[in-house]
Amino acid sequence: RLLQQADRLYLCVTDSGVPLTAHRLVIPQ
């Protein structure tokens, strides 16, 4: 979703649903 009001732009990204796979980091951050 995007919304502009005056000199501000509001951006919103929403994810939903069940994760398709488990995730895990395997290398140092």
mmCIF file of all heavy atoms, coordinates in Angstrom:
data_MODEL
# 
_entry.id   MODEL 
# 
loop_
_atom_site.group_PDB 
_atom_site.id 
_atom_site.type_symbol 
_atom_site.label_atom_id 
_atom_site.label_alt_id 
_atom_site.label_comp_id 
_atom_site.label_asym_id 
_atom_site.label_entity_id 
_atom_site.label_seq_id 
_atom_site.pdbx_PDB_ins_code 
_atom_site.Cartn_x 
_atom_site.Cartn_y 
_atom_site.Cartn_z 
_atom_site.occupancy 
_atom_site.B_iso_or_equiv 
_atom_site.pdbx_formal_charge 
_atom_site.auth_seq_id 
_atom_site.auth_comp_id 
_atom_site.auth_asym_id 
_atom_site.auth_atom_id 
_atom_site.pdbx_PDB_model_num 
ATOM 1   N N   . ARG A 1 1  ? 0.856  -1.188  0.000  1.00 0.00 ? 1  ARG A N   1 
ATOM 2   C CA  . ARG A 1 1  ? 0.000  0.000   0.000  1.00 0.00 ? 1  ARG A CA  1 
ATOM 3   C C   . ARG A 1 1  ? 0.892  1.238   0.000  1.00 0.00 ? 1  ARG A C   1 
ATOM 4   O O   . ARG A 1 1  ? 1.884  1.283   0.732  1.00 0.00 ? 1  ARG A O   1 
ATOM 5   C CB  . ARG A 1 1  ? -0.890 0.028   1.235  1.00 0.00 ? 1  ARG A CB  1 
ATOM 6   C CG  . ARG A 1 1  ? -1.972 -1.015  1.226  1.00 0.00 ? 1  ARG A CG  1 
ATOM 7   C CD  . ARG A 1 1  ? -2.851 -0.884  2.480  1.00 0.00 ? 1  ARG A CD  1 
ATOM 8   N NE  . ARG A 1 1  ? -3.984 -1.766  2.413  1.00 0.00 ? 1  ARG A NE  1 
ATOM 9   C CZ  . ARG A 1 1  ? -3.973 -3.037  2.805  1.00 0.00 ? 1  ARG A CZ  1 
ATOM 10  N NH1 . ARG A 1 1  ? -2.873 -3.559  3.302  1.00 0.00 ? 1  ARG A NH1 1 
ATOM 11  N NH2 . ARG A 1 1  ? -5.052 -3.776  2.714  1.00 0.00 ? 1  ARG A NH2 1 
ATOM 12  N N   . LEU A 1 2  ? 0.492  2.221   -0.771 1.00 0.00 ? 2  LEU A N   1 
ATOM 13  C CA  . LEU A 1 2  ? 1.168  3.507   -0.799 1.00 0.00 ? 2  LEU A CA  1 
ATOM 14  C C   . LEU A 1 2  ? 0.117  4.588   -0.594 1.00 0.00 ? 2  LEU A C   1 
ATOM 15  O O   . LEU A 1 2  ? -0.988 4.487   -1.114 1.00 0.00 ? 2  LEU A O   1 
ATOM 16  C CB  . LEU A 1 2  ? 1.849  3.752   -2.144 1.00 0.00 ? 2  LEU A CB  1 
ATOM 17  C CG  . LEU A 1 2  ? 2.853  2.715   -2.628 1.00 0.00 ? 2  LEU A CG  1 
ATOM 18  C CD1 . LEU A 1 2  ? 3.383  3.116   -4.004 1.00 0.00 ? 2  LEU A CD1 1 
ATOM 19  C CD2 . LEU A 1 2  ? 3.984  2.560   -1.654 1.00 0.00 ? 2  LEU A CD2 1 
ATOM 20  N N   . LEU A 1 3  ? 0.488  5.615   0.142  1.00 0.00 ? 3  LEU A N   1 
ATOM 21  C CA  . LEU A 1 3  ? -0.407 6.735   0.358  1.00 0.00 ? 3  LEU A CA  1 
ATOM 22  C C   . LEU A 1 3  ? 0.441  7.991   0.465  1.00 0.00 ? 3  LEU A C   1 
ATOM 23  O O   . LEU A 1 3  ? 1.414  8.015   1.236  1.00 0.00 ? 3  LEU A O   1 
ATOM 24  C CB  . LEU A 1 3  ? -1.226 6.541   1.644  1.00 0.00 ? 3  LEU A CB  1 
ATOM 25  C CG  . LEU A 1 3  ? -2.119 7.703   2.051  1.00 0.00 ? 3  LEU A CG  1 
ATOM 26  C CD1 . LEU A 1 3  ? -3.225 7.917   1.022  1.00 0.00 ? 3  LEU A CD1 1 
ATOM 27  C CD2 . LEU A 1 3  ? -2.704 7.455   3.427  1.00 0.00 ? 3  LEU A CD2 1 
ATOM 28  N N   . GLN A 1 4  ? 0.079  9.002   -0.295 1.00 0.00 ? 4  GLN A N   1 
ATOM 29  C CA  . GLN A 1 4  ? 0.794  10.267  -0.197 1.00 0.00 ? 4  GLN A CA  1 
ATOM 30  C C   . GLN A 1 4  ? -0.123 11.295  0.435  1.00 0.00 ? 4  GLN A C   1 
ATOM 31  O O   . GLN A 1 4  ? -1.273 11.454  0.025  1.00 0.00 ? 4  GLN A O   1 
ATOM 32  C CB  . GLN A 1 4  ? 1.232  10.761  -1.571 1.00 0.00 ? 4  GLN A CB  1 
ATOM 33  C CG  . GLN A 1 4  ? 2.030  12.040  -1.465 1.00 0.00 ? 4  GLN A CG  1 
ATOM 34  C CD  . GLN A 1 4  ? 2.413  12.614  -2.808 1.00 0.00 ? 4  GLN A CD  1 
ATOM 35  O OE1 . GLN A 1 4  ? 2.145  12.018  -3.838 1.00 0.00 ? 4  GLN A OE1 1 
ATOM 36  N NE2 . GLN A 1 4  ? 3.031  13.772  -2.791 1.00 0.00 ? 4  GLN A NE2 1 
ATOM 37  N N   . GLN A 1 5  ? 0.400  11.967  1.446  1.00 0.00 ? 5  GLN A N   1 
ATOM 38  C CA  . GLN A 1 5  ? -0.286 13.078  2.080  1.00 0.00 ? 5  GLN A CA  1 
ATOM 39  C C   . GLN A 1 5  ? 0.715  14.202  2.219  1.00 0.00 ? 5  GLN A C   1 
ATOM 40  O O   . GLN A 1 5  ? 1.710  14.070  2.936  1.00 0.00 ? 5  GLN A O   1 
ATOM 41  C CB  . GLN A 1 5  ? -0.840 12.682  3.442  1.00 0.00 ? 5  GLN A CB  1 
ATOM 42  C CG  . GLN A 1 5  ? -1.956 11.665  3.348  1.00 0.00 ? 5  GLN A CG  1 
ATOM 43  C CD  . GLN A 1 5  ? -2.533 11.318  4.715  1.00 0.00 ? 5  GLN A CD  1 
ATOM 44  O OE1 . GLN A 1 5  ? -1.850 11.366  5.730  1.00 0.00 ? 5  GLN A OE1 1 
ATOM 45  N NE2 . GLN A 1 5  ? -3.807 10.980  4.732  1.00 0.00 ? 5  GLN A NE2 1 
ATOM 46  N N   . ALA A 1 6  ? 0.449  15.285  1.485  1.00 0.00 ? 6  ALA A N   1 
ATOM 47  C CA  . ALA A 1 6  ? 1.347  16.441  1.453  1.00 0.00 ? 6  ALA A CA  1 
ATOM 48  C C   . ALA A 1 6  ? 2.755  15.986  1.057  1.00 0.00 ? 6  ALA A C   1 
ATOM 49  O O   . ALA A 1 6  ? 2.920  15.385  0.008  1.00 0.00 ? 6  ALA A O   1 
ATOM 50  C CB  . ALA A 1 6  ? 1.310  17.188  2.785  1.00 0.00 ? 6  ALA A CB  1 
ATOM 51  N N   . ASP A 1 7  ? 3.752  16.229  1.915  1.00 0.00 ? 7  ASP A N   1 
ATOM 52  C CA  . ASP A 1 7  ? 5.129  15.877  1.561  1.00 0.00 ? 7  ASP A CA  1 
ATOM 53  C C   . ASP A 1 7  ? 5.576  14.557  2.180  1.00 0.00 ? 7  ASP A C   1 
ATOM 54  O O   . ASP A 1 7  ? 6.760  14.284  2.301  1.00 0.00 ? 7  ASP A O   1 
ATOM 55  C CB  . ASP A 1 7  ? 6.085  17.001  1.959  1.00 0.00 ? 7  ASP A CB  1 
ATOM 56  C CG  . ASP A 1 7  ? 6.156  17.220  3.461  1.00 0.00 ? 7  ASP A CG  1 
ATOM 57  O OD1 . ASP A 1 7  ? 5.259  16.735  4.181  1.00 0.00 ? 7  ASP A OD1 1 
ATOM 58  O OD2 . ASP A 1 7  ? 7.103  17.891  3.907  1.00 0.00 ? 7  ASP A OD2 1 
ATOM 59  N N   . ARG A 1 8  ? 4.627  13.717  2.574  1.00 0.00 ? 8  ARG A N   1 
ATOM 60  C CA  . ARG A 1 8  ? 4.951  12.420  3.147  1.00 0.00 ? 8  ARG A CA  1 
ATOM 61  C C   . ARG A 1 8  ? 4.385  11.300  2.273  1.00 0.00 ? 8  ARG A C   1 
ATOM 62  O O   . ARG A 1 8  ? 3.255  11.383  1.804  1.00 0.00 ? 8  ARG A O   1 
ATOM 63  C CB  . ARG A 1 8  ? 4.351  12.244  4.543  1.00 0.00 ? 8  ARG A CB  1 
ATOM 64  C CG  . ARG A 1 8  ? 4.856  13.221  5.585  1.00 0.00 ? 8  ARG A CG  1 
ATOM 65  C CD  . ARG A 1 8  ? 6.317  12.986  5.903  1.00 0.00 ? 8  ARG A CD  1 
ATOM 66  N NE  . ARG A 1 8  ? 6.825  13.680  7.045  1.00 0.00 ? 8  ARG A NE  1 
ATOM 67  C CZ  . ARG A 1 8  ? 7.122  14.967  7.099  1.00 0.00 ? 8  ARG A CZ  1 
ATOM 68  N NH1 . ARG A 1 8  ? 6.910  15.737  6.059  1.00 0.00 ? 8  ARG A NH1 1 
ATOM 69  N NH2 . ARG A 1 8  ? 7.629  15.504  8.182  1.00 0.00 ? 8  ARG A NH2 1 
ATOM 70  N N   . LEU A 1 9  ? 5.190  10.276  2.087  1.00 0.00 ? 9  LEU A N   1 
ATOM 71  C CA  . LEU A 1 9  ? 4.758  9.081   1.387  1.00 0.00 ? 9  LEU A CA  1 
ATOM 72  C C   . LEU A 1 9  ? 4.783  7.939   2.396  1.00 0.00 ? 9  LEU A C   1 
ATOM 73  O O   . LEU A 1 9  ? 5.813  7.672   3.013  1.00 0.00 ? 9  LEU A O   1 
ATOM 74  C CB  . LEU A 1 9  ? 5.685  8.763   0.212  1.00 0.00 ? 9  LEU A CB  1 
ATOM 75  C CG  . LEU A 1 9  ? 5.353  7.499   -0.569 1.00 0.00 ? 9  LEU A CG  1 
ATOM 76  C CD1 . LEU A 1 9  ? 3.997  7.617   -1.255 1.00 0.00 ? 9  LEU A CD1 1 
ATOM 77  C CD2 . LEU A 1 9  ? 6.445  7.216   -1.595 1.00 0.00 ? 9  LEU A CD2 1 
ATOM 78  N N   . TYR A 1 10 ? 3.645  7.305   2.585  1.00 0.00 ? 10 TYR A N   1 
ATOM 79  C CA  . TYR A 1 10 ? 3.513  6.184   3.507  1.00 0.00 ? 10 TYR A CA  1 
ATOM 80  C C   . TYR A 1 10 ? 3.528  4.898   2.682  1.00 0.00 ? 10 TYR A C   1 
ATOM 81  O O   . TYR A 1 10 ? 2.741  4.747   1.750  1.00 0.00 ? 10 TYR A O   1 
ATOM 82  C CB  . TYR A 1 10 ? 2.207  6.301   4.306  1.00 0.00 ? 10 TYR A CB  1 
ATOM 83  C CG  . TYR A 1 10 ? 2.149  7.565   5.119  1.00 0.00 ? 10 TYR A CG  1 
ATOM 84  C CD1 . TYR A 1 10 ? 1.681  8.753   4.568  1.00 0.00 ? 10 TYR A CD1 1 
ATOM 85  C CD2 . TYR A 1 10 ? 2.593  7.577   6.438  1.00 0.00 ? 10 TYR A CD2 1 
ATOM 86  C CE1 . TYR A 1 10 ? 1.648  9.928   5.315  1.00 0.00 ? 10 TYR A CE1 1 
ATOM 87  C CE2 . TYR A 1 10 ? 2.568  8.740   7.185  1.00 0.00 ? 10 TYR A CE2 1 
ATOM 88  C CZ  . TYR A 1 10 ? 2.091  9.916   6.621  1.00 0.00 ? 10 TYR A CZ  1 
ATOM 89  O OH  . TYR A 1 10 ? 2.069  11.076  7.362  1.00 0.00 ? 10 TYR A OH  1 
ATOM 90  N N   . LEU A 1 11 ? 4.456  4.007   3.004  1.00 0.00 ? 11 LEU A N   1 
ATOM 91  C CA  . LEU A 1 11 ? 4.580  2.722   2.321  1.00 0.00 ? 11 LEU A CA  1 
ATOM 92  C C   . LEU A 1 11 ? 4.352  1.627   3.338  1.00 0.00 ? 11 LEU A C   1 
ATOM 93  O O   . LEU A 1 11 ? 4.879  1.696   4.453  1.00 0.00 ? 11 LEU A O   1 
ATOM 94  C CB  . LEU A 1 11 ? 5.987  2.550   1.746  1.00 0.00 ? 11 LEU A CB  1 
ATOM 95  C CG  . LEU A 1 11 ? 6.494  3.631   0.816  1.00 0.00 ? 11 LEU A CG  1 
ATOM 96  C CD1 . LEU A 1 11 ? 7.349  4.609   1.571  1.00 0.00 ? 11 LEU A CD1 1 
ATOM 97  C CD2 . LEU A 1 11 ? 7.282  3.006   -0.294 1.00 0.00 ? 11 LEU A CD2 1 
ATOM 98  N N   . CYS A 1 12 ? 3.603  0.614   2.959  1.00 0.00 ? 12 CYS A N   1 
ATOM 99  C CA  . CYS A 1 12 ? 3.339  -0.493  3.866  1.00 0.00 ? 12 CYS A CA  1 
ATOM 100 C C   . CYS A 1 12 ? 3.364  -1.788  3.077  1.00 0.00 ? 12 CYS A C   1 
ATOM 101 O O   . CYS A 1 12 ? 2.691  -1.908  2.054  1.00 0.00 ? 12 CYS A O   1 
ATOM 102 C CB  . CYS A 1 12 ? 1.983  -0.300  4.532  1.00 0.00 ? 12 CYS A CB  1 
ATOM 103 S SG  . CYS A 1 12 ? 1.587  -1.594  5.709  1.00 0.00 ? 12 CYS A SG  1 
ATOM 104 N N   . VAL A 1 13 ? 4.145  -2.744  3.547  1.00 0.00 ? 13 VAL A N   1 
ATOM 105 C CA  . VAL A 1 13 ? 4.176  -4.081  2.959  1.00 0.00 ? 13 VAL A CA  1 
ATOM 106 C C   . VAL A 1 13 ? 3.795  -5.057  4.063  1.00 0.00 ? 13 VAL A C   1 
ATOM 107 O O   . VAL A 1 13 ? 4.401  -5.071  5.124  1.00 0.00 ? 13 VAL A O   1 
ATOM 108 C CB  . VAL A 1 13 ? 5.560  -4.423  2.371  1.00 0.00 ? 13 VAL A CB  1 
ATOM 109 C CG1 . VAL A 1 13 ? 5.579  -5.848  1.835  1.00 0.00 ? 13 VAL A CG1 1 
ATOM 110 C CG2 . VAL A 1 13 ? 5.939  -3.428  1.268  1.00 0.00 ? 13 VAL A CG2 1 
ATOM 111 N N   . THR A 1 14 ? 2.764  -5.835  3.770  1.00 0.00 ? 14 THR A N   1 
ATOM 112 C CA  . THR A 1 14 ? 2.271  -6.826  4.726  1.00 0.00 ? 14 THR A CA  1 
ATOM 113 C C   . THR A 1 14 ? 2.419  -8.198  4.107  1.00 0.00 ? 14 THR A C   1 
ATOM 114 O O   . THR A 1 14 ? 2.072  -8.395  2.941  1.00 0.00 ? 14 THR A O   1 
ATOM 115 C CB  . THR A 1 14 ? 0.784  -6.562  5.038  1.00 0.00 ? 14 THR A CB  1 
ATOM 116 O OG1 . THR A 1 14 ? 0.641  -5.221  5.501  1.00 0.00 ? 14 THR A OG1 1 
ATOM 117 C CG2 . THR A 1 14 ? 0.266  -7.515  6.087  1.00 0.00 ? 14 THR A CG2 1 
ATOM 118 N N   . ASP A 1 15 ? 2.961  -9.123  4.865  1.00 0.00 ? 15 ASP A N   1 
ATOM 119 C CA  . ASP A 1 15 ? 2.990  -10.503 4.367  1.00 0.00 ? 15 ASP A CA  1 
ATOM 120 C C   . ASP A 1 15 ? 1.981  -11.306 5.169  1.00 0.00 ? 15 ASP A C   1 
ATOM 121 O O   . ASP A 1 15 ? 1.592  -10.943 6.269  1.00 0.00 ? 15 ASP A O   1 
ATOM 122 C CB  . ASP A 1 15 ? 4.379  -11.120 4.394  1.00 0.00 ? 15 ASP A CB  1 
ATOM 123 C CG  . ASP A 1 15 ? 4.968  -11.299 5.773  1.00 0.00 ? 15 ASP A CG  1 
ATOM 124 O OD1 . ASP A 1 15 ? 4.215  -11.357 6.754  1.00 0.00 ? 15 ASP A OD1 1 
ATOM 125 O OD2 . ASP A 1 15 ? 6.192  -11.393 5.875  1.00 0.00 ? 15 ASP A OD2 1 
ATOM 126 N N   . SER A 1 16 ? 1.509  -12.374 4.559  1.00 0.00 ? 16 SER A N   1 
ATOM 127 C CA  . SER A 1 16 ? 0.512  -13.191 5.245  1.00 0.00 ? 16 SER A CA  1 
ATOM 128 C C   . SER A 1 16 ? 0.639  -14.637 4.808  1.00 0.00 ? 16 SER A C   1 
ATOM 129 O O   . SER A 1 16 ? 1.300  -14.946 3.821  1.00 0.00 ? 16 SER A O   1 
ATOM 130 C CB  . SER A 1 16 ? -0.897 -12.676 4.945  1.00 0.00 ? 16 SER A CB  1 
ATOM 131 O OG  . SER A 1 16 ? -1.161 -12.766 3.566  1.00 0.00 ? 16 SER A OG  1 
ATOM 132 N N   . GLY A 1 17 ? -0.010 -15.456 5.549  1.00 0.00 ? 17 GLY A N   1 
ATOM 133 C CA  . GLY A 1 17 ? 0.036  -16.878 5.254  1.00 0.00 ? 17 GLY A CA  1 
ATOM 134 C C   . GLY A 1 17 ? 1.097  -17.579 6.070  1.00 0.00 ? 17 GLY A C   1 
ATOM 135 O O   . GLY A 1 17 ? 1.856  -16.973 6.815  1.00 0.00 ? 17 GLY A O   1 
ATOM 136 N N   . VAL A 1 18 ? 1.138  -18.852 5.915  1.00 0.00 ? 18 VAL A N   1 
ATOM 137 C CA  . VAL A 1 18 ? 2.088  -19.692 6.637  1.00 0.00 ? 18 VAL A CA  1 
ATOM 138 C C   . VAL A 1 18 ? 3.398  -19.745 5.853  1.00 0.00 ? 18 VAL A C   1 
ATOM 139 O O   . VAL A 1 18 ? 3.374  -19.854 4.624  1.00 0.00 ? 18 VAL A O   1 
ATOM 140 C CB  . VAL A 1 18 ? 1.511  -21.114 6.797  1.00 0.00 ? 18 VAL A CB  1 
ATOM 141 C CG1 . VAL A 1 18 ? 2.485  -22.020 7.509  1.00 0.00 ? 18 VAL A CG1 1 
ATOM 142 C CG2 . VAL A 1 18 ? 0.190  -21.046 7.539  1.00 0.00 ? 18 VAL A CG2 1 
ATOM 143 N N   . PRO A 1 19 ? 4.552  -19.640 6.518  1.00 0.00 ? 19 PRO A N   1 
ATOM 144 C CA  . PRO A 1 19 ? 5.814  -19.769 5.783  1.00 0.00 ? 19 PRO A CA  1 
ATOM 145 C C   . PRO A 1 19 ? 5.842  -21.061 4.978  1.00 0.00 ? 19 PRO A C   1 
ATOM 146 O O   . PRO A 1 19 ? 5.395  -22.103 5.449  1.00 0.00 ? 19 PRO A O   1 
ATOM 147 C CB  . PRO A 1 19 ? 6.871  -19.792 6.890  1.00 0.00 ? 19 PRO A CB  1 
ATOM 148 C CG  . PRO A 1 19 ? 6.219  -19.107 8.041  1.00 0.00 ? 19 PRO A CG  1 
ATOM 149 C CD  . PRO A 1 19 ? 4.756  -19.449 7.937  1.00 0.00 ? 19 PRO A CD  1 
ATOM 150 N N   . LEU A 1 20 ? 6.348  -20.955 3.748  1.00 0.00 ? 20 LEU A N   1 
ATOM 151 C CA  . LEU A 1 20 ? 6.398  -22.116 2.873  1.00 0.00 ? 20 LEU A CA  1 
ATOM 152 C C   . LEU A 1 20 ? 7.480  -23.102 3.302  1.00 0.00 ? 20 LEU A C   1 
ATOM 153 O O   . LEU A 1 20 ? 7.338  -24.296 3.135  1.00 0.00 ? 20 LEU A O   1 
ATOM 154 C CB  . LEU A 1 20 ? 6.627  -21.668 1.431  1.00 0.00 ? 20 LEU A CB  1 
ATOM 155 C CG  . LEU A 1 20 ? 5.548  -20.726 0.880  1.00 0.00 ? 20 LEU A CG  1 
ATOM 156 C CD1 . LEU A 1 20 ? 5.943  -20.233 -0.494 1.00 0.00 ? 20 LEU A CD1 1 
ATOM 157 C CD2 . LEU A 1 20 ? 4.196  -21.415 0.859  1.00 0.00 ? 20 LEU A CD2 1 
ATOM 158 N N   . THR A 1 21 ? 8.576  -22.585 3.852  1.00 0.00 ? 21 THR A N   1 
ATOM 159 C CA  . THR A 1 21 ? 9.665  -23.434 4.324  1.00 0.00 ? 21 THR A CA  1 
ATOM 160 C C   . THR A 1 21 ? 10.277 -22.800 5.562  1.00 0.00 ? 21 THR A C   1 
ATOM 161 O O   . THR A 1 21 ? 10.154 -21.602 5.770  1.00 0.00 ? 21 THR A O   1 
ATOM 162 C CB  . THR A 1 21 ? 10.785 -23.587 3.262  1.00 0.00 ? 21 THR A CB  1 
ATOM 163 O OG1 . THR A 1 21 ? 11.278 -22.287 2.940  1.00 0.00 ? 21 THR A OG1 1 
ATOM 164 C CG2 . THR A 1 21 ? 10.280 -24.273 2.009  1.00 0.00 ? 21 THR A CG2 1 
ATOM 165 N N   . ALA A 1 22 ? 10.943 -23.601 6.348  1.00 0.00 ? 22 ALA A N   1 
ATOM 166 C CA  . ALA A 1 22 ? 11.667 -23.068 7.504  1.00 0.00 ? 22 ALA A CA  1 
ATOM 167 C C   . ALA A 1 22 ? 12.943 -22.403 7.011  1.00 0.00 ? 22 ALA A C   1 
ATOM 168 O O   . ALA A 1 22 ? 13.546 -22.844 6.038  1.00 0.00 ? 22 ALA A O   1 
ATOM 169 C CB  . ALA A 1 22 ? 11.991 -24.196 8.474  1.00 0.00 ? 22 ALA A CB  1 
ATOM 170 N N   . HIS A 1 23 ? 13.354 -21.336 7.670  1.00 0.00 ? 23 HIS A N   1 
ATOM 171 C CA  . HIS A 1 23 ? 14.569 -20.619 7.279  1.00 0.00 ? 23 HIS A CA  1 
ATOM 172 C C   . HIS A 1 23 ? 15.535 -20.575 8.444  1.00 0.00 ? 23 HIS A C   1 
ATOM 173 O O   . HIS A 1 23 ? 15.135 -20.433 9.584  1.00 0.00 ? 23 HIS A O   1 
ATOM 174 C CB  . HIS A 1 23 ? 14.229 -19.185 6.865  1.00 0.00 ? 23 HIS A CB  1 
ATOM 175 C CG  . HIS A 1 23 ? 13.391 -19.134 5.644  1.00 0.00 ? 23 HIS A CG  1 
ATOM 176 N ND1 . HIS A 1 23 ? 13.895 -19.268 4.385  1.00 0.00 ? 23 HIS A ND1 1 
ATOM 177 C CD2 . HIS A 1 23 ? 12.061 -18.974 5.486  1.00 0.00 ? 23 HIS A CD2 1 
ATOM 178 C CE1 . HIS A 1 23 ? 12.925 -19.187 3.509  1.00 0.00 ? 23 HIS A CE1 1 
ATOM 179 N NE2 . HIS A 1 23 ? 11.789 -19.012 4.152  1.00 0.00 ? 23 HIS A NE2 1 
ATOM 180 N N   . ARG A 1 24 ? 16.813 -20.650 8.098  1.00 0.00 ? 24 ARG A N   1 
ATOM 181 C CA  . ARG A 1 24 ? 17.815 -20.524 9.145  1.00 0.00 ? 24 ARG A CA  1 
ATOM 182 C C   . ARG A 1 24 ? 19.112 -20.060 8.494  1.00 0.00 ? 24 ARG A C   1 
ATOM 183 O O   . ARG A 1 24 ? 19.464 -20.487 7.401  1.00 0.00 ? 24 ARG A O   1 
ATOM 184 C CB  . ARG A 1 24 ? 17.887 -21.848 9.858  1.00 0.00 ? 24 ARG A CB  1 
ATOM 185 C CG  . ARG A 1 24 ? 19.135 -22.519 10.002 1.00 0.00 ? 24 ARG A CG  1 
ATOM 186 C CD  . ARG A 1 24 ? 18.973 -23.883 10.570 1.00 0.00 ? 24 ARG A CD  1 
ATOM 187 N NE  . ARG A 1 24 ? 19.488 -24.771 9.540  1.00 0.00 ? 24 ARG A NE  1 
ATOM 188 C CZ  . ARG A 1 24 ? 19.736 -26.018 9.703  1.00 0.00 ? 24 ARG A CZ  1 
ATOM 189 N NH1 . ARG A 1 24 ? 19.456 -26.600 10.829 1.00 0.00 ? 24 ARG A NH1 1 
ATOM 190 N NH2 . ARG A 1 24 ? 20.241 -26.720 8.749  1.00 0.00 ? 24 ARG A NH2 1 
ATOM 191 N N   . LEU A 1 25 ? 19.795 -19.153 9.166  1.00 0.00 ? 25 LEU A N   1 
ATOM 192 C CA  . LEU A 1 25 ? 21.079 -18.671 8.655  1.00 0.00 ? 25 LEU A CA  1 
ATOM 193 C C   . LEU A 1 25 ? 22.148 -19.717 8.915  1.00 0.00 ? 25 LEU A C   1 
ATOM 194 O O   . LEU A 1 25 ? 22.223 -20.264 10.012 1.00 0.00 ? 25 LEU A O   1 
ATOM 195 C CB  . LEU A 1 25 ? 21.473 -17.357 9.327  1.00 0.00 ? 25 LEU A CB  1 
ATOM 196 C CG  . LEU A 1 25 ? 20.646 -16.143 8.947  1.00 0.00 ? 25 LEU A CG  1 
ATOM 197 C CD1 . LEU A 1 25 ? 21.078 -14.949 9.782  1.00 0.00 ? 25 LEU A CD1 1 
ATOM 198 C CD2 . LEU A 1 25 ? 20.773 -15.836 7.478  1.00 0.00 ? 25 LEU A CD2 1 
ATOM 199 N N   . VAL A 1 26 ? 22.973 -19.967 7.919  1.00 0.00 ? 26 VAL A N   1 
ATOM 200 C CA  . VAL A 1 26 ? 24.028 -20.964 8.090  1.00 0.00 ? 26 VAL A CA  1 
ATOM 201 C C   . VAL A 1 26 ? 25.418 -20.346 7.969  1.00 0.00 ? 26 VAL A C   1 
ATOM 202 O O   . VAL A 1 26 ? 26.401 -21.039 8.085  1.00 0.00 ? 26 VAL A O   1 
ATOM 203 C CB  . VAL A 1 26 ? 23.872 -22.116 7.069  1.00 0.00 ? 26 VAL A CB  1 
ATOM 204 C CG1 . VAL A 1 26 ? 22.614 -22.907 7.364  1.00 0.00 ? 26 VAL A CG1 1 
ATOM 205 C CG2 . VAL A 1 26 ? 23.861 -21.596 5.645  1.00 0.00 ? 26 VAL A CG2 1 
ATOM 206 N N   . ILE A 1 27 ? 25.474 -19.043 7.715  1.00 0.00 ? 27 ILE A N   1 
ATOM 207 C CA  . ILE A 1 27 ? 26.765 -18.355 7.656  1.00 0.00 ? 27 ILE A CA  1 
ATOM 208 C C   . ILE A 1 27 ? 26.727 -17.175 8.622  1.00 0.00 ? 27 ILE A C   1 
ATOM 209 O O   . ILE A 1 27 ? 25.659 -16.677 8.949  1.00 0.00 ? 27 ILE A O   1 
ATOM 210 C CB  . ILE A 1 27 ? 27.093 -17.863 6.214  1.00 0.00 ? 27 ILE A CB  1 
ATOM 211 C CG1 . ILE A 1 27 ? 25.991 -16.947 5.690  1.00 0.00 ? 27 ILE A CG1 1 
ATOM 212 C CG2 . ILE A 1 27 ? 27.306 -19.029 5.283  1.00 0.00 ? 27 ILE A CG2 1 
ATOM 213 C CD1 . ILE A 1 27 ? 26.293 -16.325 4.349  1.00 0.00 ? 27 ILE A CD1 1 
ATOM 214 N N   . PRO A 1 28 ? 27.874 -16.728 9.092  1.00 0.00 ? 28 PRO A N   1 
ATOM 215 C CA  . PRO A 1 28 ? 27.901 -15.604 10.028 1.00 0.00 ? 28 PRO A CA  1 
ATOM 216 C C   . PRO A 1 28 ? 27.235 -14.368 9.425  1.00 0.00 ? 28 PRO A C   1 
ATOM 217 O O   . PRO A 1 28 ? 27.390 -14.085 8.231  1.00 0.00 ? 28 PRO A O   1 
ATOM 218 C CB  . PRO A 1 28 ? 29.388 -15.354 10.269 1.00 0.00 ? 28 PRO A CB  1 
ATOM 219 C CG  . PRO A 1 28 ? 30.059 -16.624 9.877  1.00 0.00 ? 28 PRO A CG  1 
ATOM 220 C CD  . PRO A 1 28 ? 29.210 -17.246 8.818  1.00 0.00 ? 28 PRO A CD  1 
ATOM 221 N N   . GLN A 1 29 ? 26.498 -13.643 10.233 1.00 0.00 ? 29 GLN A N   1 
ATOM 222 C CA  . GLN A 1 29 ? 25.750 -12.473 9.770  1.00 0.00 ? 29 GLN A CA  1 
ATOM 223 C C   . GLN A 1 29 ? 26.641 -11.452 9.064  1.00 0.00 ? 29 GLN A C   1 
ATOM 224 O O   . GLN A 1 29 ? 26.260 -10.881 8.059  1.00 0.00 ? 29 GLN A O   1 
ATOM 225 C CB  . GLN A 1 29 ? 25.035 -11.820 10.959 1.00 0.00 ? 29 GLN A CB  1 
ATOM 226 C CG  . GLN A 1 29 ? 24.122 -10.689 10.577 1.00 0.00 ? 29 GLN A CG  1 
ATOM 227 C CD  . GLN A 1 29 ? 22.911 -11.143 9.782  1.00 0.00 ? 29 GLN A CD  1 
ATOM 228 O OE1 . GLN A 1 29 ? 22.512 -12.299 9.837  1.00 0.00 ? 29 GLN A OE1 1 
ATOM 229 N NE2 . GLN A 1 29 ? 22.332 -10.235 9.038  1.00 0.00 ? 29 GLN A NE2 1 
# 
